[in-house]
Amino acid sequence: MESIAWMAWTLPTAIFFVMLSMTLAVMTWLAVAYPEAERVGILHIPTTRGDRLFISLIMAAVIHLLWIGFVGTDTIATLPVGEGIELSSLWLATVISLVSAVAIFRTV
């Protein structure tokens, strides 16, 4: 396991990849069950579900990088589980990213 220690497999990383996998599975099911026609939103260009997913993932990356650059990842709370699980302020960036993804899927 030491050979992959640099990959920082933490709980947030695991949650991210599980959620990404579930999103892709649901979107694949939606594409088969409910074929979609392109729609034109506020960008005034035709987009599909995949386009909106790509835009929201890029937006999430930008939000997280800006958050780390300007706010940092200091602990904002410690959960009373075991020896105490510390919650990073980066979780707030994740919430902002999820809200922006909903906005993108609804308007773009």
PDB file of N, CA and C in Angstrom:
ATOM      1  N   MET A   1       0.808  -1.202   0.000  1.00  0.00           N
ATOM      2  CA  MET A   1       0.000   0.000   0.000  1.00  0.00           C
ATOM      3  C   MET A   1       0.847   1.260   0.000  1.00  0.00           C
ATOM      4  N   GLU A   2       2.083   1.169   0.407  1.00  0.00           N
ATOM      5  CA  GLU A   2       2.912   2.358   0.458  1.00  0.00           C
ATOM      6  C   GLU A   2       3.196   2.914  -0.928  1.00  0.00           C
ATOM      7  N   SER A   3       3.116   2.082  -1.951  1.00  0.00           N
ATOM      8  CA  SER A   3       3.397   2.568  -3.296  1.00  0.00           C
ATOM      9  C   SER A   3       2.330   3.528  -3.796  1.00  0.00           C
ATOM     10  N   ILE A   4       1.121   3.504  -3.202  1.00  0.00           N
ATOM     11  CA  ILE A   4       0.082   4.442  -3.615  1.00  0.00           C
ATOM     12  C   ILE A   4      -0.242   5.463  -2.524  1.00  0.00           C
ATOM     13  N   ALA A   5       0.610   5.576  -1.540  1.00  0.00           N
ATOM     14  CA  ALA A   5       0.363   6.510  -0.440  1.00  0.00           C
ATOM     15  C   ALA A   5       0.287   7.953  -0.931  1.00  0.00           C
ATOM     16  N   TRP A   6       0.998   8.280  -1.976  1.00  0.00           N
ATOM     17  CA  TRP A   6       0.995   9.641  -2.498  1.00  0.00           C
ATOM     18  C   TRP A   6      -0.346  10.023  -3.106  1.00  0.00           C
ATOM     19  N   MET A   7      -1.210   9.068  -3.347  1.00  0.00           N
ATOM     20  CA  MET A   7      -2.480   9.347  -4.012  1.00  0.00           C
ATOM     21  C   MET A   7      -3.522   9.948  -3.073  1.00  0.00           C
ATOM     22  N   ALA A   8      -3.224  10.002  -1.789  1.00  0.00           N
ATOM     23  CA  ALA A   8      -4.114  10.628  -0.805  1.00  0.00           C
ATOM     24  C   ALA A   8      -5.515  10.042  -0.846  1.00  0.00           C
ATOM     25  N   TRP A   9      -5.629   8.735  -0.687  1.00  0.00           N
ATOM     26  CA  TRP A   9      -6.938   8.093  -0.650  1.00  0.00           C
ATOM     27  C   TRP A   9      -7.565   8.345   0.714  1.00  0.00           C
ATOM     28  N   THR A  10      -8.294   9.428   0.794  1.00  0.00           N
ATOM     29  CA  THR A  10      -8.963   9.813   2.026  1.00  0.00           C
ATOM     30  C   THR A  10     -10.464   9.566   1.872  1.00  0.00           C
ATOM     31  N   LEU A  11     -11.200   9.749   2.947  1.00  0.00           N
ATOM     32  CA  LEU A  11     -12.650   9.586   2.887  1.00  0.00           C
ATOM     33  C   LEU A  11     -13.285  10.529   1.857  1.00  0.00           C
ATOM     34  N   PRO A  12     -12.930  11.819   1.830  1.00  0.00           N
ATOM     35  CA  PRO A  12     -13.519  12.688   0.808  1.00  0.00           C
ATOM     36  C   PRO A  12     -13.200  12.234  -0.622  1.00  0.00           C
ATOM     37  N   THR A  13     -11.983  11.710  -0.833  1.00  0.00           N
ATOM     38  CA  THR A  13     -11.617  11.217  -2.165  1.00  0.00           C
ATOM     39  C   THR A  13     -12.482  10.021  -2.529  1.00  0.00           C
ATOM     40  N   ALA A  14     -12.657   9.117  -1.597  1.00  0.00           N
ATOM     41  CA  ALA A  14     -13.485   7.934  -1.846  1.00  0.00           C
ATOM     42  C   ALA A  14     -14.927   8.330  -2.132  1.00  0.00           C
ATOM     43  N   ILE A  15     -15.456   9.257  -1.350  1.00  0.00           N
ATOM     44  CA  ILE A  15     -16.827   9.719  -1.559  1.00  0.00           C
ATOM     45  C   ILE A  15     -16.963  10.361  -2.932  1.00  0.00           C
ATOM     46  N   PHE A  16     -15.967  11.152  -3.335  1.00  0.00           N
ATOM     47  CA  PHE A  16     -16.004  11.793  -4.643  1.00  0.00           C
ATOM     48  C   PHE A  16     -16.106  10.757  -5.759  1.00  0.00           C
ATOM     49  N   PHE A  17     -15.251   9.729  -5.717  1.00  0.00           N
ATOM     50  CA  PHE A  17     -15.256   8.740  -6.786  1.00  0.00           C
ATOM     51  C   PHE A  17     -16.508   7.863  -6.757  1.00  0.00           C
ATOM     52  N   VAL A  18     -17.033   7.567  -5.582  1.00  0.00           N
ATOM     53  CA  VAL A  18     -18.289   6.818  -5.501  1.00  0.00           C
ATOM     54  C   VAL A  18     -19.426   7.647  -6.091  1.00  0.00           C
ATOM     55  N   MET A  19     -19.490   8.919  -5.728  1.00  0.00           N
ATOM     56  CA  MET A  19     -20.548   9.786  -6.257  1.00  0.00           C
ATOM     57  C   MET A  19     -20.418   9.975  -7.767  1.00  0.00           C
ATOM     58  N   LEU A  20     -19.203  10.119  -8.253  1.00  0.00           N
ATOM     59  CA  LEU A  20     -18.983  10.259  -9.690  1.00  0.00           C
ATOM     60  C   LEU A  20     -19.430   8.993 -10.421  1.00  0.00           C
ATOM     61  N   SER A  21     -19.103   7.835  -9.882  1.00  0.00           N
ATOM     62  CA  SER A  21     -19.518   6.565 -10.491  1.00  0.00           C
ATOM     63  C   SER A  21     -21.036   6.427 -10.488  1.00  0.00           C
ATOM     64  N   MET A  22     -21.656   6.797  -9.380  1.00  0.00           N
ATOM     65  CA  MET A  22     -23.115   6.718  -9.312  1.00  0.00           C
ATOM     66  C   MET A  22     -23.763   7.696 -10.288  1.00  0.00           C
ATOM     67  N   THR A  23     -23.194   8.882 -10.428  1.00  0.00           N
ATOM     68  CA  THR A  23     -23.712   9.861 -11.375  1.00  0.00           C
ATOM     69  C   THR A  23     -23.640   9.332 -12.795  1.00  0.00           C
ATOM     70  N   LEU A  24     -22.506   8.756 -13.160  1.00  0.00           N
ATOM     71  CA  LEU A  24     -22.369   8.206 -14.507  1.00  0.00           C
ATOM     72  C   LEU A  24     -23.329   7.041 -14.732  1.00  0.00           C
ATOM     73  N   ALA A  25     -23.533   6.207 -13.727  1.00  0.00           N
ATOM     74  CA  ALA A  25     -24.471   5.086 -13.859  1.00  0.00           C
ATOM     75  C   ALA A  25     -25.896   5.593 -14.053  1.00  0.00           C
ATOM     76  N   VAL A  26     -26.299   6.577 -13.266  1.00  0.00           N
ATOM     77  CA  VAL A  26     -27.644   7.134 -13.394  1.00  0.00           C
ATOM     78  C   VAL A  26     -27.812   7.823 -14.747  1.00  0.00           C
ATOM     79  N   MET A  27     -26.801   8.552 -15.182  1.00  0.00           N
ATOM     80  CA  MET A  27     -26.901   9.236 -16.475  1.00  0.00           C
ATOM     81  C   MET A  27     -26.955   8.239 -17.628  1.00  0.00           C
ATOM     82  N   THR A  28     -26.251   7.132 -17.510  1.00  0.00           N
ATOM     83  CA  THR A  28     -26.325   6.095 -18.537  1.00  0.00           C
ATOM     84  C   THR A  28     -27.720   5.490 -18.573  1.00  0.00           C
ATOM     85  N   TRP A  29     -28.270   5.207 -17.384  1.00  0.00           N
ATOM     86  CA  TRP A  29     -29.627   4.680 -17.317  1.00  0.00           C
ATOM     87  C   TRP A  29     -30.632   5.680 -17.908  1.00  0.00           C
ATOM     88  N   LEU A  30     -30.482   6.965 -17.583  1.00  0.00           N
ATOM     89  CA  LEU A  30     -31.380   7.987 -18.122  1.00  0.00           C
ATOM     90  C   LEU A  30     -31.287   8.079 -19.643  1.00  0.00           C
ATOM     91  N   ALA A  31     -30.065   7.952 -20.173  1.00  0.00           N
ATOM     92  CA  ALA A  31     -29.881   8.039 -21.625  1.00  0.00           C
ATOM     93  C   ALA A  31     -30.579   6.885 -22.335  1.00  0.00           C
ATOM     94  N   VAL A  32     -30.586   5.712 -21.707  1.00  0.00           N
ATOM     95  CA  VAL A  32     -31.250   4.554 -22.311  1.00  0.00           C
ATOM     96  C   VAL A  32     -32.762   4.621 -22.101  1.00  0.00           C
ATOM     97  N   ALA A  33     -33.178   4.930 -20.879  1.00  0.00           N
ATOM     98  CA  ALA A  33     -34.607   4.928 -20.553  1.00  0.00           C
ATOM     99  C   ALA A  33     -35.351   6.143 -21.119  1.00  0.00           C
ATOM    100  N   TYR A  34     -34.707   7.279 -21.128  1.00  0.00           N
ATOM    101  CA  TYR A  34     -35.339   8.522 -21.580  1.00  0.00           C
ATOM    102  C   TYR A  34     -34.406   9.251 -22.538  1.00  0.00           C
ATOM    103  N   PRO A  35     -34.396   8.844 -23.805  1.00  0.00           N
ATOM    104  CA  PRO A  35     -33.511   9.537 -24.760  1.00  0.00           C
ATOM    105  C   PRO A  35     -33.805  11.039 -24.757  1.00  0.00           C
ATOM    106  N   GLU A  36     -32.750  11.807 -24.896  1.00  0.00           N
ATOM    107  CA  GLU A  36     -32.866  13.250 -24.725  1.00  0.00           C
ATOM    108  C   GLU A  36     -32.571  13.980 -26.024  1.00  0.00           C
ATOM    109  N   ALA A  37     -33.332  15.017 -26.259  1.00  0.00           N
ATOM    110  CA  ALA A  37     -33.023  15.937 -27.352  1.00  0.00           C
ATOM    111  C   ALA A  37     -32.188  17.071 -26.759  1.00  0.00           C
ATOM    112  N   GLU A  38     -31.308  17.626 -27.580  1.00  0.00           N
ATOM    113  CA  GLU A  38     -30.504  18.753 -27.088  1.00  0.00           C
ATOM    114  C   GLU A  38     -31.427  19.904 -26.722  1.00  0.00           C
ATOM    115  N   ARG A  39     -31.013  20.680 -25.719  1.00  0.00           N
ATOM    116  CA  ARG A  39     -31.794  21.859 -25.353  1.00  0.00           C
ATOM    117  C   ARG A  39     -30.886  23.067 -25.288  1.00  0.00           C
ATOM    118  N   VAL A  40     -31.501  24.224 -25.465  1.00  0.00           N
ATOM    119  CA  VAL A  40     -30.751  25.476 -25.459  1.00  0.00           C
ATOM    120  C   VAL A  40     -31.104  26.224 -24.183  1.00  0.00           C
ATOM    121  N   GLY A  41     -30.083  26.511 -23.384  1.00  0.00           N
ATOM    122  CA  GLY A  41     -30.288  27.212 -22.120  1.00  0.00           C
ATOM    123  C   GLY A  41     -29.706  28.617 -22.179  1.00  0.00           C
ATOM    124  N   ILE A  42     -29.191  29.083 -21.046  1.00  0.00           N
ATOM    125  CA  ILE A  42     -28.695  30.451 -20.964  1.00  0.00           C
ATOM    126  C   ILE A  42     -27.423  30.683 -21.777  1.00  0.00           C
ATOM    127  N   LEU A  43     -26.725  29.607 -22.144  1.00  0.00           N
ATOM    128  CA  LEU A  43     -25.529  29.767 -22.976  1.00  0.00           C
ATOM    129  C   LEU A  43     -25.874  29.947 -24.448  1.00  0.00           C
ATOM    130  N   HIS A  44     -27.128  29.712 -24.796  1.00  0.00           N
ATOM    131  CA  HIS A  44     -27.612  29.822 -26.176  1.00  0.00           C
ATOM    132  C   HIS A  44     -26.884  28.883 -27.128  1.00  0.00           C
ATOM    133  N   ILE A  45     -26.468  27.722 -26.606  1.00  0.00           N
ATOM    134  CA  ILE A  45     -25.917  26.665 -27.451  1.00  0.00           C
ATOM    135  C   ILE A  45     -26.606  25.366 -27.062  1.00  0.00           C
ATOM    136  N   PRO A  46     -26.810  24.465 -28.006  1.00  0.00           N
ATOM    137  CA  PRO A  46     -27.453  23.199 -27.663  1.00  0.00           C
ATOM    138  C   PRO A  46     -26.550  22.346 -26.750  1.00  0.00           C
ATOM    139  N   THR A  47     -27.109  21.849 -25.651  1.00  0.00           N
ATOM    140  CA  THR A  47     -26.346  21.007 -24.731  1.00  0.00           C
ATOM    141  C   THR A  47     -27.128  19.745 -24.413  1.00  0.00           C
ATOM    142  N   THR A  48     -26.404  18.691 -24.049  1.00  0.00           N
ATOM    143  CA  THR A  48     -27.006  17.436 -23.609  1.00  0.00           C
ATOM    144  C   THR A  48     -26.693  17.242 -22.132  1.00  0.00           C
ATOM    145  N   ARG A  49     -27.194  16.155 -21.562  1.00  0.00           N
ATOM    146  CA  ARG A  49     -26.881  15.859 -20.160  1.00  0.00           C
ATOM    147  C   ARG A  49     -25.379  15.730 -19.949  1.00  0.00           C
ATOM    148  N   GLY A  50     -24.707  15.065 -20.889  1.00  0.00           N
ATOM    149  CA  GLY A  50     -23.255  14.878 -20.776  1.00  0.00           C
ATOM    150  C   GLY A  50     -22.506  16.195 -20.802  1.00  0.00           C
ATOM    151  N   ASP A  51     -22.958  17.119 -21.654  1.00  0.00           N
ATOM    152  CA  ASP A  51     -22.333  18.444 -21.705  1.00  0.00           C
ATOM    153  C   ASP A  51     -22.480  19.161 -20.373  1.00  0.00           C
ATOM    154  N   ARG A  52     -23.677  19.086 -19.814  1.00  0.00           N
ATOM    155  CA  ARG A  52     -23.925  19.762 -18.541  1.00  0.00           C
ATOM    156  C   ARG A  52     -23.143  19.108 -17.406  1.00  0.00           C
ATOM    157  N   LEU A  53     -22.971  17.785 -17.440  1.00  0.00           N
ATOM    158  CA  LEU A  53     -22.144  17.108 -16.443  1.00  0.00           C
ATOM    159  C   LEU A  53     -20.696  17.571 -16.557  1.00  0.00           C
ATOM    160  N   PHE A  54     -20.178  17.636 -17.780  1.00  0.00           N
ATOM    161  CA  PHE A  54     -18.802  18.084 -17.986  1.00  0.00           C
ATOM    162  C   PHE A  54     -18.612  19.511 -17.476  1.00  0.00           C
ATOM    163  N   ILE A  55     -19.536  20.402 -17.799  1.00  0.00           N
ATOM    164  CA  ILE A  55     -19.446  21.790 -17.334  1.00  0.00           C
ATOM    165  C   ILE A  55     -19.471  21.840 -15.808  1.00  0.00           C
ATOM    166  N   SER A  56     -20.341  21.048 -15.181  1.00  0.00           N
ATOM    167  CA  SER A  56     -20.430  21.080 -13.711  1.00  0.00           C
ATOM    168  C   SER A  56     -19.183  20.486 -13.060  1.00  0.00           C
ATOM    169  N   LEU A  57     -18.568  19.464 -13.667  1.00  0.00           N
ATOM    170  CA  LEU A  57     -17.331  18.910 -13.107  1.00  0.00           C
ATOM    171  C   LEU A  57     -16.176  19.901 -13.217  1.00  0.00           C
ATOM    172  N   ILE A  58     -16.092  20.600 -14.342  1.00  0.00           N
ATOM    173  CA  ILE A  58     -15.057  21.633 -14.489  1.00  0.00           C
ATOM    174  C   ILE A  58     -15.288  22.747 -13.478  1.00  0.00           C
ATOM    175  N   MET A  59     -16.548  23.149 -13.310  1.00  0.00           N
ATOM    176  CA  MET A  59     -16.881  24.193 -12.335  1.00  0.00           C
ATOM    177  C   MET A  59     -16.522  23.744 -10.922  1.00  0.00           C
ATOM    178  N   ALA A  60     -16.773  22.484 -10.585  1.00  0.00           N
ATOM    179  CA  ALA A  60     -16.427  21.971  -9.251  1.00  0.00           C
ATOM    180  C   ALA A  60     -14.920  22.014  -9.035  1.00  0.00           C
ATOM    181  N   ALA A  61     -14.151  21.653 -10.051  1.00  0.00           N
ATOM    182  CA  ALA A  61     -12.690  21.699  -9.929  1.00  0.00           C
ATOM    183  C   ALA A  61     -12.212  23.129  -9.701  1.00  0.00           C
ATOM    184  N   VAL A  62     -12.773  24.066 -10.449  1.00  0.00           N
ATOM    185  CA  VAL A  62     -12.384  25.479 -10.311  1.00  0.00           C
ATOM    186  C   VAL A  62     -12.759  25.994  -8.920  1.00  0.00           C
ATOM    187  N   ILE A  63     -13.960  25.685  -8.461  1.00  0.00           N
ATOM    188  CA  ILE A  63     -14.400  26.126  -7.129  1.00  0.00           C
ATOM    189  C   ILE A  63     -13.468  25.584  -6.053  1.00  0.00           C
ATOM    190  N   HIS A  64     -13.123  24.301  -6.129  1.00  0.00           N
ATOM    191  CA  HIS A  64     -12.248  23.705  -5.117  1.00  0.00           C
ATOM    192  C   HIS A  64     -10.837  24.289  -5.160  1.00  0.00           C
ATOM    193  N   LEU A  65     -10.300  24.503  -6.349  1.00  0.00           N
ATOM    194  CA  LEU A  65      -8.962  25.090  -6.446  1.00  0.00           C
ATOM    195  C   LEU A  65      -8.941  26.520  -5.915  1.00  0.00           C
ATOM    196  N   LEU A  66      -9.965  27.310  -6.252  1.00  0.00           N
ATOM    197  CA  LEU A  66     -10.037  28.678  -5.722  1.00  0.00           C
ATOM    198  C   LEU A  66     -10.210  28.663  -4.208  1.00  0.00           C
ATOM    199  N   TRP A  67     -11.018  27.730  -3.706  1.00  0.00           N
ATOM    200  CA  TRP A  67     -11.233  27.625  -2.262  1.00  0.00           C
ATOM    201  C   TRP A  67      -9.921  27.318  -1.553  1.00  0.00           C
ATOM    202  N   ILE A  68      -9.196  26.340  -2.065  1.00  0.00           N
ATOM    203  CA  ILE A  68      -7.911  25.980  -1.456  1.00  0.00           C
ATOM    204  C   ILE A  68      -6.948  27.164  -1.520  1.00  0.00           C
ATOM    205  N   GLY A  69      -6.943  27.888  -2.645  1.00  0.00           N
ATOM    206  CA  GLY A  69      -6.034  29.018  -2.814  1.00  0.00           C
ATOM    207  C   GLY A  69      -6.350  30.195  -1.909  1.00  0.00           C
ATOM    208  N   PHE A  70      -7.636  30.497  -1.724  1.00  0.00           N
ATOM    209  CA  PHE A  70      -8.006  31.686  -0.971  1.00  0.00           C
ATOM    210  C   PHE A  70      -8.420  31.418   0.473  1.00  0.00           C
ATOM    211  N   VAL A  71      -9.039  30.270   0.744  1.00  0.00           N
ATOM    212  CA  VAL A  71      -9.553  29.986   2.087  1.00  0.00           C
ATOM    213  C   VAL A  71      -8.668  28.974   2.812  1.00  0.00           C
ATOM    214  N   GLY A  72      -8.245  27.956   2.110  1.00  0.00           N
ATOM    215  CA  GLY A  72      -7.445  26.901   2.731  1.00  0.00           C
ATOM    216  C   GLY A  72      -8.304  25.719   3.132  1.00  0.00           C
ATOM    217  N   THR A  73      -7.703  24.815   3.868  1.00  0.00           N
ATOM    218  CA  THR A  73      -8.418  23.594   4.254  1.00  0.00           C
ATOM    219  C   THR A  73      -8.422  23.392   5.766  1.00  0.00           C
ATOM    220  N   ASP A  74      -8.441  24.465   6.514  1.00  0.00           N
ATOM    221  CA  ASP A  74      -8.439  24.363   7.972  1.00  0.00           C
ATOM    222  C   ASP A  74      -9.661  23.600   8.471  1.00  0.00           C
ATOM    223  N   THR A  75      -9.514  22.989   9.630  1.00  0.00           N
ATOM    224  CA  THR A  75     -10.604  22.247  10.260  1.00  0.00           C
ATOM    225  C   THR A  75     -11.666  23.218  10.753  1.00  0.00           C
ATOM    226  N   ILE A  76     -12.930  22.919  10.441  1.00  0.00           N
ATOM    227  CA  ILE A  76     -14.017  23.779  10.913  1.00  0.00           C
ATOM    228  C   ILE A  76     -14.841  23.108  12.006  1.00  0.00           C
ATOM    229  N   ALA A  77     -14.722  21.778  12.106  1.00  0.00           N
ATOM    230  CA  ALA A  77     -15.464  21.053  13.147  1.00  0.00           C
ATOM    231  C   ALA A  77     -14.816  19.691  13.371  1.00  0.00           C
ATOM    232  N   THR A  78     -15.045  19.143  14.543  1.00  0.00           N
ATOM    233  CA  THR A  78     -14.575  17.795  14.859  1.00  0.00           C
ATOM    234  C   THR A  78     -15.764  16.977  15.326  1.00  0.00           C
ATOM    235  N   LEU A  79     -16.037  15.900  14.617  1.00  0.00           N
ATOM    236  CA  LEU A  79     -17.158  15.041  14.973  1.00  0.00           C
ATOM    237  C   LEU A  79     -16.750  14.101  16.108  1.00  0.00           C
ATOM    238  N   PRO A  80     -17.646  13.877  17.048  1.00  0.00           N
ATOM    239  CA  PRO A  80     -17.319  13.002  18.181  1.00  0.00           C
ATOM    240  C   PRO A  80     -17.452  11.520  17.820  1.00  0.00           C
ATOM    241  N   VAL A  81     -16.684  11.080  16.845  1.00  0.00           N
ATOM    242  CA  VAL A  81     -16.704   9.680  16.420  1.00  0.00           C
ATOM    243  C   VAL A  81     -15.311   9.114  16.635  1.00  0.00           C
ATOM    244  N   GLY A  82     -15.210   8.063  17.430  1.00  0.00           N
ATOM    245  CA  GLY A  82     -13.898   7.475  17.710  1.00  0.00           C
ATOM    246  C   GLY A  82     -12.995   8.500  18.362  1.00  0.00           C
ATOM    247  N   GLU A  83     -11.858   8.746  17.748  1.00  0.00           N
ATOM    248  CA  GLU A  83     -10.928   9.749  18.264  1.00  0.00           C
ATOM    249  C   GLU A  83     -11.270  11.144  17.757  1.00  0.00           C
ATOM    250  N   GLY A  84     -12.329  11.267  17.014  1.00  0.00           N
ATOM    251  CA  GLY A  84     -12.762  12.551  16.483  1.00  0.00           C
ATOM    252  C   GLY A  84     -12.407  12.694  15.021  1.00  0.00           C
ATOM    253  N   ILE A  85     -13.409  12.851  14.188  1.00  0.00           N
ATOM    254  CA  ILE A  85     -13.193  13.056  12.751  1.00  0.00           C
ATOM    255  C   ILE A  85     -13.236  14.552  12.495  1.00  0.00           C
ATOM    256  N   GLU A  86     -12.165  15.069  11.930  1.00  0.00           N
ATOM    257  CA  GLU A  86     -12.098  16.499  11.647  1.00  0.00           C
ATOM    258  C   GLU A  86     -12.687  16.784  10.279  1.00  0.00           C
ATOM    259  N   LEU A  87     -13.547  17.804  10.224  1.00  0.00           N
ATOM    260  CA  LEU A  87     -14.144  18.227   8.964  1.00  0.00           C
ATOM    261  C   LEU A  87     -13.400  19.451   8.444  1.00  0.00           C
ATOM    262  N   SER A  88     -12.934  19.351   7.223  1.00  0.00           N
ATOM    263  CA  SER A  88     -12.210  20.437   6.594  1.00  0.00           C
ATOM    264  C   SER A  88     -13.188  21.473   6.055  1.00  0.00           C
ATOM    265  N   SER A  89     -12.720  22.701   5.916  1.00  0.00           N
ATOM    266  CA  SER A  89     -13.554  23.741   5.315  1.00  0.00           C
ATOM    267  C   SER A  89     -13.810  23.444   3.846  1.00  0.00           C
ATOM    268  N   LEU A  90     -13.067  22.507   3.285  1.00  0.00           N
ATOM    269  CA  LEU A  90     -13.248  22.125   1.883  1.00  0.00           C
ATOM    270  C   LEU A  90     -14.628  21.510   1.642  1.00  0.00           C
ATOM    271  N   TRP A  91     -15.254  20.990   2.697  1.00  0.00           N
ATOM    272  CA  TRP A  91     -16.612  20.471   2.547  1.00  0.00           C
ATOM    273  C   TRP A  91     -17.577  21.586   2.160  1.00  0.00           C
ATOM    274  N   LEU A  92     -17.316  22.817   2.602  1.00  0.00           N
ATOM    275  CA  LEU A  92     -18.164  23.941   2.191  1.00  0.00           C
ATOM    276  C   LEU A  92     -18.040  24.193   0.695  1.00  0.00           C
ATOM    277  N   ALA A  93     -16.826  24.034   0.156  1.00  0.00           N
ATOM    278  CA  ALA A  93     -16.632  24.170  -1.292  1.00  0.00           C
ATOM    279  C   ALA A  93     -17.389  23.070  -2.026  1.00  0.00           C
ATOM    280  N   THR A  94     -17.462  21.895  -1.433  1.00  0.00           N
ATOM    281  CA  THR A  94     -18.202  20.797  -2.041  1.00  0.00           C
ATOM    282  C   THR A  94     -19.691  21.113  -2.095  1.00  0.00           C
ATOM    283  N   VAL A  95     -20.215  21.682  -1.029  1.00  0.00           N
ATOM    284  CA  VAL A  95     -21.631  22.075  -1.008  1.00  0.00           C
ATOM    285  C   VAL A  95     -21.888  23.138  -2.081  1.00  0.00           C
ATOM    286  N   ILE A  96     -21.000  24.117  -2.186  1.00  0.00           N
ATOM    287  CA  ILE A  96     -21.134  25.154  -3.213  1.00  0.00           C
ATOM    288  C   ILE A  96     -21.088  24.522  -4.601  1.00  0.00           C
ATOM    289  N   SER A  97     -20.215  23.546  -4.794  1.00  0.00           N
ATOM    290  CA  SER A  97     -20.102  22.861  -6.081  1.00  0.00           C
ATOM    291  C   SER A  97     -21.387  22.108  -6.434  1.00  0.00           C
ATOM    292  N   LEU A  98     -21.982  21.454  -5.436  1.00  0.00           N
ATOM    293  CA  LEU A  98     -23.234  20.735  -5.680  1.00  0.00           C
ATOM    294  C   LEU A  98     -24.362  21.688  -6.047  1.00  0.00           C
ATOM    295  N   VAL A  99     -24.423  22.821  -5.368  1.00  0.00           N
ATOM    296  CA  VAL A  99     -25.443  23.832  -5.689  1.00  0.00           C
ATOM    297  C   VAL A  99     -25.227  24.367  -7.102  1.00  0.00           C
ATOM    298  N   SER A 100     -23.972  24.624  -7.471  1.00  0.00           N
ATOM    299  CA  SER A 100     -23.697  25.116  -8.826  1.00  0.00           C
ATOM    300  C   SER A 100     -24.018  24.049  -9.870  1.00  0.00           C
ATOM    301  N   ALA A 101     -23.808  22.764  -9.547  1.00  0.00           N
ATOM    302  CA  ALA A 101     -24.138  21.700 -10.492  1.00  0.00           C
ATOM    303  C   ALA A 101     -25.646  21.645 -10.732  1.00  0.00           C
ATOM    304  N   VAL A 102     -26.416  21.794  -9.664  1.00  0.00           N
ATOM    305  CA  VAL A 102     -27.885  21.823  -9.824  1.00  0.00           C
ATOM    306  C   VAL A 102     -28.286  22.998 -10.702  1.00  0.00           C
ATOM    307  N   ALA A 103     -27.693  24.164 -10.458  1.00  0.00           N
ATOM    308  CA  ALA A 103     -27.993  25.342 -11.266  1.00  0.00           C
ATOM    309  C   ALA A 103     -27.626  25.121 -12.738  1.00  0.00           C
ATOM    310  N   ILE A 104     -26.485  24.498 -12.972  1.00  0.00           N
ATOM    311  CA  ILE A 104     -26.063  24.227 -14.350  1.00  0.00           C
ATOM    312  C   ILE A 104     -27.019  23.269 -15.030  1.00  0.00           C
ATOM    313  N   PHE A 105     -27.408  22.196 -14.349  1.00  0.00           N
ATOM    314  CA  PHE A 105     -28.315  21.229 -14.949  1.00  0.00           C
ATOM    315  C   PHE A 105     -29.699  21.829 -15.205  1.00  0.00           C
ATOM    316  N   ARG A 106     -30.097  22.803 -14.413  1.00  0.00           N
ATOM    317  CA  ARG A 106     -31.416  23.410 -14.596  1.00  0.00           C
ATOM    318  C   ARG A 106     -31.429  24.518 -15.649  1.00  0.00           C
ATOM    319  N   THR A 107     -30.310  25.223 -15.840  1.00  0.00           N
ATOM    320  CA  THR A 107     -30.347  26.422 -16.687  1.00  0.00           C
ATOM    321  C   THR A 107     -29.513  26.376 -17.958  1.00  0.00           C
ATOM    322  N   VAL A 108     -28.525  25.499 -18.010  1.00  0.00           N
ATOM    323  CA  VAL A 108     -27.629  25.494 -19.190  1.00  0.00           C
ATOM    324  C   VAL A 108     -28.176  24.562 -20.231  1.00  0.00           C
TER     325      VAL A 108
END
